[in-house]
Amino acid sequence: MAETKLDVREIPPAERHPKIHAAFDELESGEALTIVNDHEPKPLFYEMQAEKEEFDAENYTVERRTPTEFLATFPKK
């Protein structure tokens, strides 16, 4: 599976979700977007689940690497 990585920790919070949505929209079916975030992106998970029919919520993963580094992978159907 091809993967795109986006570090959003330096992006102002109000701009994060639009950038993540845009990056996800650019993916082809079967690819995934991995974001590096400073907190667990649970609200983003629910947002993607509600708004993106092509989001593969069953294969979503999140890994806490440090207290301020989370890797969350959003696969596209």
Protein backbone atom coordinates (compact mmCIF):
# COMPACT_ATOMS: atom_id res chain seq x y z
CA MET A 1 0.00 0.00 0.00
CA ALA A 2 1.41 3.39 -0.98
CA GLU A 3 1.64 5.85 1.88
CA THR A 4 1.79 9.64 2.06
CA LYS A 5 3.15 11.17 5.27
CA LEU A 6 2.14 14.59 6.58
CA ASP A 7 3.61 16.15 9.75
CA VAL A 8 0.97 18.55 11.06
CA ARG A 9 2.63 19.47 14.36
CA GLU A 10 3.90 22.81 13.02
CA ILE A 11 0.66 23.70 11.22
CA PRO A 12 -1.67 26.04 13.15
CA PRO A 13 -4.55 23.98 14.62
CA ALA A 14 -7.24 25.78 12.59
CA GLU A 15 -5.47 24.81 9.36
CA ARG A 16 -4.75 21.16 10.15
CA HIS A 17 -8.02 19.46 9.21
CA PRO A 18 -8.39 21.24 5.84
CA LYS A 19 -4.80 20.25 4.90
CA ILE A 20 -5.37 16.66 6.02
CA HIS A 21 -8.63 16.42 4.08
CA ALA A 22 -6.95 17.83 0.96
CA ALA A 23 -4.07 15.35 1.24
CA PHE A 24 -6.50 12.47 1.74
CA ASP A 25 -8.54 13.54 -1.28
CA GLU A 26 -5.42 13.36 -3.46
CA LEU A 27 -4.83 9.69 -2.62
CA GLU A 28 -5.72 6.90 -4.99
CA SER A 29 -7.85 3.98 -3.85
CA GLY A 30 -5.72 1.58 -1.78
CA GLU A 31 -3.30 4.28 -0.61
CA ALA A 32 -3.04 5.71 2.90
CA LEU A 33 -2.31 9.02 4.56
CA THR A 34 -0.19 8.90 7.71
CA ILE A 35 -0.16 12.02 9.82
CA VAL A 36 2.31 12.89 12.55
CA ASN A 37 0.43 14.76 15.25
CA ASP A 38 1.05 16.09 18.77
CA HIS A 39 -2.05 14.37 20.18
CA GLU A 40 -4.24 11.39 19.36
CA PRO A 41 -6.46 12.54 16.48
CA LYS A 42 -9.68 10.91 17.69
CA PRO A 43 -11.89 13.88 16.66
CA LEU A 44 -10.33 13.73 13.18
CA PHE A 45 -11.06 9.99 13.01
CA TYR A 46 -14.76 10.63 13.73
CA GLU A 47 -14.81 13.52 11.26
CA MET A 48 -13.28 11.39 8.50
CA GLN A 49 -15.65 8.54 9.30
CA ALA A 50 -18.66 10.85 9.00
CA GLU A 51 -17.55 12.88 5.96
CA LYS A 52 -15.39 10.62 3.77
CA GLU A 53 -17.18 7.60 2.34
CA GLU A 54 -13.86 6.35 0.94
CA PHE A 55 -12.16 6.38 4.38
CA ASP A 56 -11.42 2.79 5.46
CA ALA A 57 -12.14 3.18 9.19
CA GLU A 58 -11.69 -0.55 9.86
CA ASN A 59 -8.01 -0.35 8.89
CA TYR A 60 -7.25 2.96 10.63
CA THR A 61 -4.30 2.72 13.02
CA VAL A 62 -2.77 5.05 15.56
CA GLU A 63 0.53 4.65 17.40
CA ARG A 64 1.75 6.78 20.28
CA ARG A 65 5.51 7.12 19.88
CA THR A 66 6.12 9.72 22.60
CA PRO A 67 3.81 11.86 24.74
CA THR A 68 3.80 14.45 21.93
CA GLU A 69 4.11 12.27 18.83
CA PHE A 70 1.31 10.16 17.38
CA LEU A 71 1.30 8.43 13.99
CA ALA A 72 -2.20 7.93 12.62
CA THR A 73 -2.81 6.15 9.33
CA PHE A 74 -5.98 6.88 7.35
CA PRO A 75 -6.37 4.32 4.53
CA LYS A 76 -8.50 5.01 1.48
CA LYS A 77 -10.87 2.36 0.09
